[in-house]
């Protein structure tokens, strides 16, 4: 391996102009290519298209017009779920709902509080 790096260093040094030009062309090519990358954060990325869960998810999106964002709430040991619905926390749930609803991209909000009320 030492011989390979030695040979490479020697030849790149001898042909430094060509090495520089090739490096610049590669950098420009990769730089242009990276602008063409697209990223998707859809839930479909995590499911196999043959799975029933995927099919149900697509049916849900078609029926209701988009993906639902689901959040999981967990309680620390020694705490109970009913602590989420004290007078103080109910006010916080309502404030969070209002803040989310204010976003023009959000169609509706169903918080744990909303689910209990309906």
Protein backbone atom coordinates (compact mmCIF):
# COMPACT_ATOMS: atom_id res chain seq x y z
CA UNK A 1 0.00 0.00 0.00
CA UNK A 2 2.93 2.30 0.73
CA UNK A 3 4.14 1.86 -2.86
CA UNK A 4 0.71 2.81 -4.26
CA UNK A 5 0.57 6.08 -2.31
CA UNK A 6 4.18 6.85 -3.17
CA UNK A 7 3.58 6.27 -6.87
CA UNK A 8 0.36 8.33 -6.78
CA UNK A 9 2.04 11.23 -4.98
CA UNK A 10 4.96 11.21 -7.38
CA UNK A 11 2.80 11.17 -10.52
CA UNK A 12 0.30 13.72 -9.24
CA UNK A 13 3.24 15.97 -8.40
CA UNK A 14 4.72 15.57 -11.88
CA UNK A 15 1.39 16.33 -13.54
CA UNK A 16 0.09 18.91 -11.08
CA UNK A 17 -1.68 21.02 -13.74
CA UNK A 18 -3.65 18.05 -15.07
CA UNK A 19 -4.39 16.93 -11.48
CA UNK A 20 -5.63 20.39 -10.60
CA UNK A 21 -7.85 20.59 -13.69
CA UNK A 22 -9.29 17.11 -13.12
CA UNK A 23 -9.95 17.96 -9.46
CA UNK A 24 -11.68 21.22 -10.46
CA UNK A 25 -13.86 19.47 -13.06
CA UNK A 26 -14.84 16.76 -10.56
CA UNK A 27 -15.61 19.36 -7.89
CA UNK A 28 -17.79 21.36 -10.29
CA UNK A 29 -19.53 18.20 -11.50
CA UNK A 30 -20.27 17.01 -7.98
CA UNK A 31 -21.29 20.53 -6.95
CA UNK A 32 -23.80 20.69 -9.80
CA UNK A 33 -25.01 17.17 -9.09
CA UNK A 34 -25.70 17.89 -5.45
CA UNK A 35 -28.17 20.63 -6.46
CA UNK A 36 -30.21 17.93 -8.22
CA UNK A 37 -30.67 15.80 -5.10
CA UNK A 38 -34.20 15.60 -3.78
CA UNK A 39 -35.17 14.50 -0.30
CA UNK A 40 -38.51 13.20 0.77
CA UNK A 41 -39.68 13.08 4.36
CA UNK A 42 -42.87 11.21 3.59
CA UNK A 43 -43.97 8.36 5.82
CA UNK A 44 -43.97 6.23 2.65
CA UNK A 45 -40.17 6.17 2.79
CA UNK A 46 -40.31 3.95 5.83
CA UNK A 47 -42.83 1.42 4.57
CA UNK A 48 -42.65 -1.35 2.00
CA UNK A 49 -45.12 -0.83 -0.85
CA UNK A 50 -46.34 -4.42 -0.48
CA UNK A 51 -47.22 -3.98 3.22
CA UNK A 52 -50.84 -3.50 4.23
CA UNK A 53 -49.78 -0.59 6.43
CA UNK A 54 -48.45 1.21 3.33
CA UNK A 55 -51.66 0.57 1.40
CA UNK A 56 -53.76 1.80 4.33
CA UNK A 57 -51.57 4.89 4.67
CA UNK A 58 -52.02 5.76 0.97
CA UNK A 59 -55.78 5.23 1.27
CA UNK A 60 -55.85 7.51 4.34
CA UNK A 61 -53.91 10.23 2.53
CA UNK A 62 -56.20 10.04 -0.50
CA UNK A 63 -59.28 10.18 1.68
CA UNK A 64 -58.20 13.02 3.97
CA UNK A 65 -55.86 14.99 1.73
CA UNK A 66 -52.44 14.45 3.24
CA UNK A 67 -50.32 12.85 5.86
CA UNK A 68 -51.12 13.06 9.52
CA UNK A 69 -48.34 14.06 11.87
CA UNK A 70 -48.53 11.82 14.90
CA UNK A 71 -46.76 12.57 18.16
CA UNK A 72 -46.24 10.08 20.96
CA UNK A 73 -46.47 11.26 24.55
CA UNK A 74 -44.79 9.21 27.23
CA UNK A 75 -44.95 9.63 30.97
CA UNK A 76 -42.00 9.40 33.31
CA UNK A 77 -42.22 6.60 35.88
CA UNK A 78 -44.49 7.54 38.75
CA UNK A 79 -46.67 9.90 36.67
CA UNK A 80 -50.12 9.23 35.26
CA UNK A 81 -51.82 10.29 32.04
CA UNK A 82 -54.47 12.28 33.90
CA UNK A 83 -51.71 14.76 34.86
CA UNK A 84 -51.77 15.90 31.22
CA UNK A 85 -55.23 17.38 31.77
CA UNK A 86 -54.90 19.62 34.78
CA UNK A 87 -56.31 23.16 34.41
CA UNK A 88 -52.81 24.47 33.77
CA UNK A 89 -52.01 21.82 31.17
CA UNK A 90 -55.37 22.21 29.42
CA UNK A 91 -54.48 25.86 28.84
CA UNK A 92 -51.13 24.73 27.40
CA UNK A 93 -52.86 22.22 25.08
CA UNK A 94 -55.20 24.92 23.81
CA UNK A 95 -52.33 27.36 23.25
CA UNK A 96 -50.39 24.69 21.33
CA UNK A 97 -53.45 23.89 19.20
CA UNK A 98 -53.97 27.58 18.40
CA UNK A 99 -50.33 28.03 17.48
CA UNK A 100 -50.40 25.01 15.14
CA UNK A 101 -53.73 26.05 13.58
CA UNK A 102 -52.25 29.48 12.80
CA UNK A 103 -49.95 27.81 10.26
CA UNK A 104 -51.63 28.10 6.83
CA UNK A 105 -50.33 24.66 5.81
CA UNK A 106 -52.21 22.91 8.61
CA UNK A 107 -55.74 21.74 7.84
CA UNK A 108 -56.79 20.67 11.33
CA UNK A 109 -55.42 19.83 14.74
CA UNK A 110 -56.50 16.97 16.96
CA UNK A 111 -54.63 17.03 20.24
CA UNK A 112 -55.17 14.57 23.07
CA UNK A 113 -57.40 17.24 24.62
CA UNK A 114 -59.46 17.57 21.44
CA UNK A 115 -59.79 13.78 21.22
CA UNK A 116 -61.15 13.65 24.77
CA UNK A 117 -63.60 16.49 24.17
CA UNK A 118 -65.14 14.98 21.04
